[in-house]
Amino acid sequence: MATLTIRDLDEGLKAKLRVRAAEHGRSMEAEVRAILASALTKPTPGPGMGSRIRRRFSDVGDLSIEPPRRAERARAAEFLE
């Protein structure tokens, strides 16, 4: 295991760390380890939000959000004088 030394830690931050550690029933050192592990552990990749929405509403039918395409081409606007 590695050792990490943090210098010039703000006293207010240290006090908050001490309170947080006490709330979780851990030492300050254990609390810092838990904070670092939580912050640096990447979640496992999964399906994106769009895929999850499509899966959830798959029984509803077509969820296409694209407007239907027209057979004719768009025309330029005609301005009256």
N, C-alpha and C. Protein backbone atom coordinates (compact mmCIF):
# COMPACT_ATOMS: atom_id res chain seq x y z
N MET A 1 0.84 -1.18 0.00
CA MET A 1 0.00 0.00 0.00
C MET A 1 0.88 1.24 0.00
N ALA A 2 0.41 2.27 -0.67
CA ALA A 2 1.13 3.53 -0.75
C ALA A 2 0.73 4.43 0.41
N THR A 3 1.59 5.38 0.70
CA THR A 3 1.31 6.38 1.71
C THR A 3 1.19 7.73 1.03
N LEU A 4 0.19 8.49 1.45
CA LEU A 4 -0.06 9.80 0.86
C LEU A 4 -0.07 10.83 1.98
N THR A 5 0.70 11.88 1.83
CA THR A 5 0.73 12.97 2.80
C THR A 5 0.13 14.20 2.16
N ILE A 6 -0.79 14.83 2.85
CA ILE A 6 -1.42 16.05 2.34
C ILE A 6 -1.01 17.20 3.24
N ARG A 7 -0.32 18.15 2.65
CA ARG A 7 0.14 19.32 3.40
C ARG A 7 -0.80 20.49 3.20
N ASP A 8 -0.75 21.42 4.14
CA ASP A 8 -1.50 22.68 4.06
C ASP A 8 -3.00 22.46 3.85
N LEU A 9 -3.55 21.49 4.54
CA LEU A 9 -4.99 21.25 4.49
C LEU A 9 -5.69 22.31 5.31
N ASP A 10 -6.68 22.94 4.73
CA ASP A 10 -7.44 23.99 5.41
C ASP A 10 -8.07 23.43 6.69
N GLU A 11 -7.98 24.20 7.77
CA GLU A 11 -8.51 23.74 9.07
C GLU A 11 -10.01 23.49 9.02
N GLY A 12 -10.73 24.33 8.28
CA GLY A 12 -12.18 24.13 8.15
C GLY A 12 -12.51 22.83 7.44
N LEU A 13 -11.74 22.54 6.41
CA LEU A 13 -11.93 21.30 5.67
C LEU A 13 -11.60 20.09 6.54
N LYS A 14 -10.55 20.22 7.32
CA LYS A 14 -10.17 19.14 8.22
C LYS A 14 -11.26 18.89 9.27
N ALA A 15 -11.86 19.96 9.77
CA ALA A 15 -12.93 19.81 10.75
C ALA A 15 -14.14 19.11 10.14
N LYS A 16 -14.47 19.47 8.90
CA LYS A 16 -15.60 18.82 8.22
C LYS A 16 -15.31 17.35 7.98
N LEU A 17 -14.06 17.05 7.65
CA LEU A 17 -13.65 15.66 7.45
C LEU A 17 -13.78 14.87 8.74
N ARG A 18 -13.38 15.47 9.84
CA ARG A 18 -13.47 14.82 11.14
C ARG A 18 -14.94 14.51 11.49
N VAL A 19 -15.83 15.47 11.23
CA VAL A 19 -17.26 15.27 11.52
C VAL A 19 -17.83 14.17 10.62
N ARG A 20 -17.48 14.23 9.33
CA ARG A 20 -17.99 13.22 8.40
C ARG A 20 -17.51 11.83 8.77
N ALA A 21 -16.26 11.72 9.17
CA ALA A 21 -15.72 10.42 9.59
C ALA A 21 -16.46 9.90 10.82
N ALA A 22 -16.72 10.79 11.77
CA ALA A 22 -17.45 10.39 12.98
C ALA A 22 -18.87 9.93 12.64
N GLU A 23 -19.51 10.63 11.70
CA GLU A 23 -20.87 10.23 11.29
C GLU A 23 -20.90 8.84 10.68
N HIS A 24 -19.82 8.48 10.00
CA HIS A 24 -19.75 7.16 9.37
C HIS A 24 -19.05 6.12 10.25
N GLY A 25 -18.64 6.52 11.45
CA GLY A 25 -18.00 5.57 12.37
C GLY A 25 -16.63 5.13 11.90
N ARG A 26 -15.90 6.02 11.25
CA ARG A 26 -14.58 5.69 10.73
C ARG A 26 -13.56 6.70 11.23
N SER A 27 -12.30 6.32 11.09
CA SER A 27 -11.22 7.27 11.36
C SER A 27 -11.17 8.25 10.19
N MET A 28 -10.48 9.36 10.40
CA MET A 28 -10.33 10.32 9.31
C MET A 28 -9.60 9.69 8.13
N GLU A 29 -8.62 8.88 8.43
CA GLU A 29 -7.86 8.21 7.37
C GLU A 29 -8.75 7.27 6.56
N ALA A 30 -9.58 6.50 7.25
CA ALA A 30 -10.50 5.58 6.57
C ALA A 30 -11.53 6.36 5.75
N GLU A 31 -11.95 7.50 6.29
CA GLU A 31 -12.93 8.33 5.57
C GLU A 31 -12.33 8.87 4.28
N VAL A 32 -11.08 9.32 4.34
CA VAL A 32 -10.41 9.82 3.13
C VAL A 32 -10.28 8.70 2.11
N ARG A 33 -9.96 7.50 2.55
CA ARG A 33 -9.87 6.36 1.62
C ARG A 33 -11.22 6.11 0.96
N ALA A 34 -12.28 6.16 1.75
CA ALA A 34 -13.62 5.92 1.20
C ALA A 34 -14.01 7.02 0.21
N ILE A 35 -13.69 8.27 0.52
CA ILE A 35 -14.00 9.39 -0.38
C ILE A 35 -13.24 9.22 -1.69
N LEU A 36 -11.95 8.92 -1.61
CA LEU A 36 -11.15 8.75 -2.82
C LEU A 36 -11.64 7.57 -3.65
N ALA A 37 -11.95 6.46 -3.00
CA ALA A 37 -12.43 5.29 -3.73
C ALA A 37 -13.74 5.60 -4.43
N SER A 38 -14.63 6.31 -3.76
CA SER A 38 -15.92 6.68 -4.34
C SER A 38 -15.75 7.62 -5.52
N ALA A 39 -14.87 8.60 -5.38
CA ALA A 39 -14.67 9.60 -6.43
C ALA A 39 -13.93 9.05 -7.63
N LEU A 40 -13.07 8.08 -7.42
CA LEU A 40 -12.20 7.61 -8.49
C LEU A 40 -12.63 6.29 -9.11
N THR A 41 -13.64 5.66 -8.57
CA THR A 41 -14.14 4.40 -9.13
C THR A 41 -15.15 4.73 -10.20
N LYS A 42 -14.87 4.28 -11.42
CA LYS A 42 -15.77 4.57 -12.54
C LYS A 42 -16.92 3.57 -12.53
N PRO A 43 -18.13 4.05 -12.79
CA PRO A 43 -19.25 3.12 -12.88
C PRO A 43 -19.09 2.25 -14.13
N THR A 44 -19.66 1.06 -14.06
CA THR A 44 -19.58 0.17 -15.21
C THR A 44 -20.44 0.73 -16.33
N PRO A 45 -19.92 0.74 -17.54
CA PRO A 45 -20.70 1.30 -18.64
C PRO A 45 -21.93 0.45 -18.92
N GLY A 46 -22.99 1.10 -19.21
CA GLY A 46 -24.23 0.41 -19.52
C GLY A 46 -24.93 1.12 -20.67
N PRO A 47 -26.14 0.74 -20.93
CA PRO A 47 -26.85 1.40 -22.03
C PRO A 47 -27.10 2.87 -21.71
N GLY A 48 -27.13 3.69 -22.73
CA GLY A 48 -27.37 5.11 -22.56
C GLY A 48 -28.82 5.39 -22.21
N MET A 49 -29.08 6.66 -21.90
CA MET A 49 -30.43 7.04 -21.49
C MET A 49 -31.45 6.78 -22.60
N GLY A 50 -31.08 7.11 -23.85
CA GLY A 50 -32.01 6.88 -24.96
C GLY A 50 -32.38 5.42 -25.10
N SER A 51 -31.40 4.55 -24.95
CA SER A 51 -31.67 3.10 -25.04
C SER A 51 -32.55 2.65 -23.89
N ARG A 52 -32.32 3.18 -22.71
CA ARG A 52 -33.15 2.79 -21.56
C ARG A 52 -34.59 3.27 -21.74
N ILE A 53 -34.78 4.48 -22.26
CA ILE A 53 -36.14 4.99 -22.50
C ILE A 53 -36.84 4.14 -23.55
N ARG A 54 -36.12 3.84 -24.64
CA ARG A 54 -36.72 3.02 -25.71
C ARG A 54 -37.13 1.65 -25.17
N ARG A 55 -36.27 1.03 -24.35
CA ARG A 55 -36.57 -0.28 -23.78
C ARG A 55 -37.79 -0.20 -22.85
N ARG A 56 -37.84 0.86 -22.04
CA ARG A 56 -38.94 0.98 -21.08
C ARG A 56 -40.29 1.13 -21.78
N PHE A 57 -40.31 1.86 -22.89
CA PHE A 57 -41.57 2.11 -23.59
C PHE A 57 -41.72 1.28 -24.85
N SER A 58 -41.00 0.17 -24.96
CA SER A 58 -41.04 -0.64 -26.17
C SER A 58 -42.42 -1.25 -26.42
N ASP A 59 -43.20 -1.49 -25.37
CA ASP A 59 -44.52 -2.08 -25.56
C ASP A 59 -45.54 -1.06 -26.07
N VAL A 60 -45.20 0.23 -26.06
CA VAL A 60 -46.12 1.27 -26.53
C VAL A 60 -46.20 1.27 -28.05
N GLY A 61 -45.15 0.93 -28.70
CA GLY A 61 -45.12 0.94 -30.16
C GLY A 61 -43.99 1.82 -30.65
N ASP A 62 -44.16 2.40 -31.82
CA ASP A 62 -43.11 3.20 -32.44
C ASP A 62 -42.93 4.51 -31.68
N LEU A 63 -41.74 4.76 -31.23
CA LEU A 63 -41.44 6.01 -30.51
C LEU A 63 -40.62 6.95 -31.37
N SER A 64 -40.72 6.80 -32.67
CA SER A 64 -39.94 7.63 -33.57
C SER A 64 -40.30 9.09 -33.37
N ILE A 65 -39.29 9.93 -33.21
CA ILE A 65 -39.55 11.35 -33.00
C ILE A 65 -39.26 12.16 -34.26
N GLU A 66 -38.88 11.50 -35.33
CA GLU A 66 -38.64 12.19 -36.58
C GLU A 66 -39.97 12.45 -37.26
N PRO A 67 -40.17 13.68 -37.80
CA PRO A 67 -41.42 13.93 -38.52
C PRO A 67 -41.43 13.13 -39.81
N PRO A 68 -42.60 12.77 -40.28
CA PRO A 68 -42.66 12.00 -41.53
C PRO A 68 -42.10 12.83 -42.68
N ARG A 69 -41.42 12.19 -43.59
CA ARG A 69 -40.83 12.90 -44.72
C ARG A 69 -41.90 13.15 -45.78
N ARG A 70 -41.79 14.32 -46.40
CA ARG A 70 -42.73 14.67 -47.46
C ARG A 70 -42.22 14.12 -48.79
N ALA A 71 -43.13 13.78 -49.65
CA ALA A 71 -42.76 13.28 -50.97
C ALA A 71 -42.27 14.43 -51.83
N GLU A 72 -42.81 15.63 -51.63
CA GLU A 72 -42.41 16.77 -52.45
C GLU A 72 -41.30 17.56 -51.78
N ARG A 73 -40.52 18.24 -52.57
CA ARG A 73 -39.42 19.04 -52.04
C ARG A 73 -39.96 20.36 -51.49
N ALA A 74 -39.25 20.92 -50.55
CA ALA A 74 -39.64 22.22 -50.00
C ALA A 74 -39.44 23.29 -51.07
N ARG A 75 -40.34 24.29 -51.09
CA ARG A 75 -40.25 25.37 -52.06
C ARG A 75 -39.80 26.64 -51.37
N ALA A 76 -39.21 27.51 -52.13
CA ALA A 76 -38.79 28.81 -51.61
C ALA A 76 -40.03 29.64 -51.32
N ALA A 77 -39.94 30.50 -50.32
CA ALA A 77 -41.06 31.37 -49.96
C ALA A 77 -41.29 32.41 -51.05
N GLU A 78 -42.56 32.72 -51.29
CA GLU A 78 -42.91 33.76 -52.24
C GLU A 78 -43.43 34.95 -51.47
N PHE A 79 -42.84 36.10 -51.72
CA PHE A 79 -43.21 37.32 -51.02
C PHE A 79 -44.07 38.19 -51.91
N LEU A 80 -45.13 38.74 -51.38
CA LEU A 80 -46.01 39.64 -52.13
C LEU A 80 -45.50 41.05 -51.97
N GLU A 81 -45.60 41.82 -53.02
CA GLU A 81 -45.15 43.21 -52.95
C GLU A 81 -46.29 44.12 -52.70
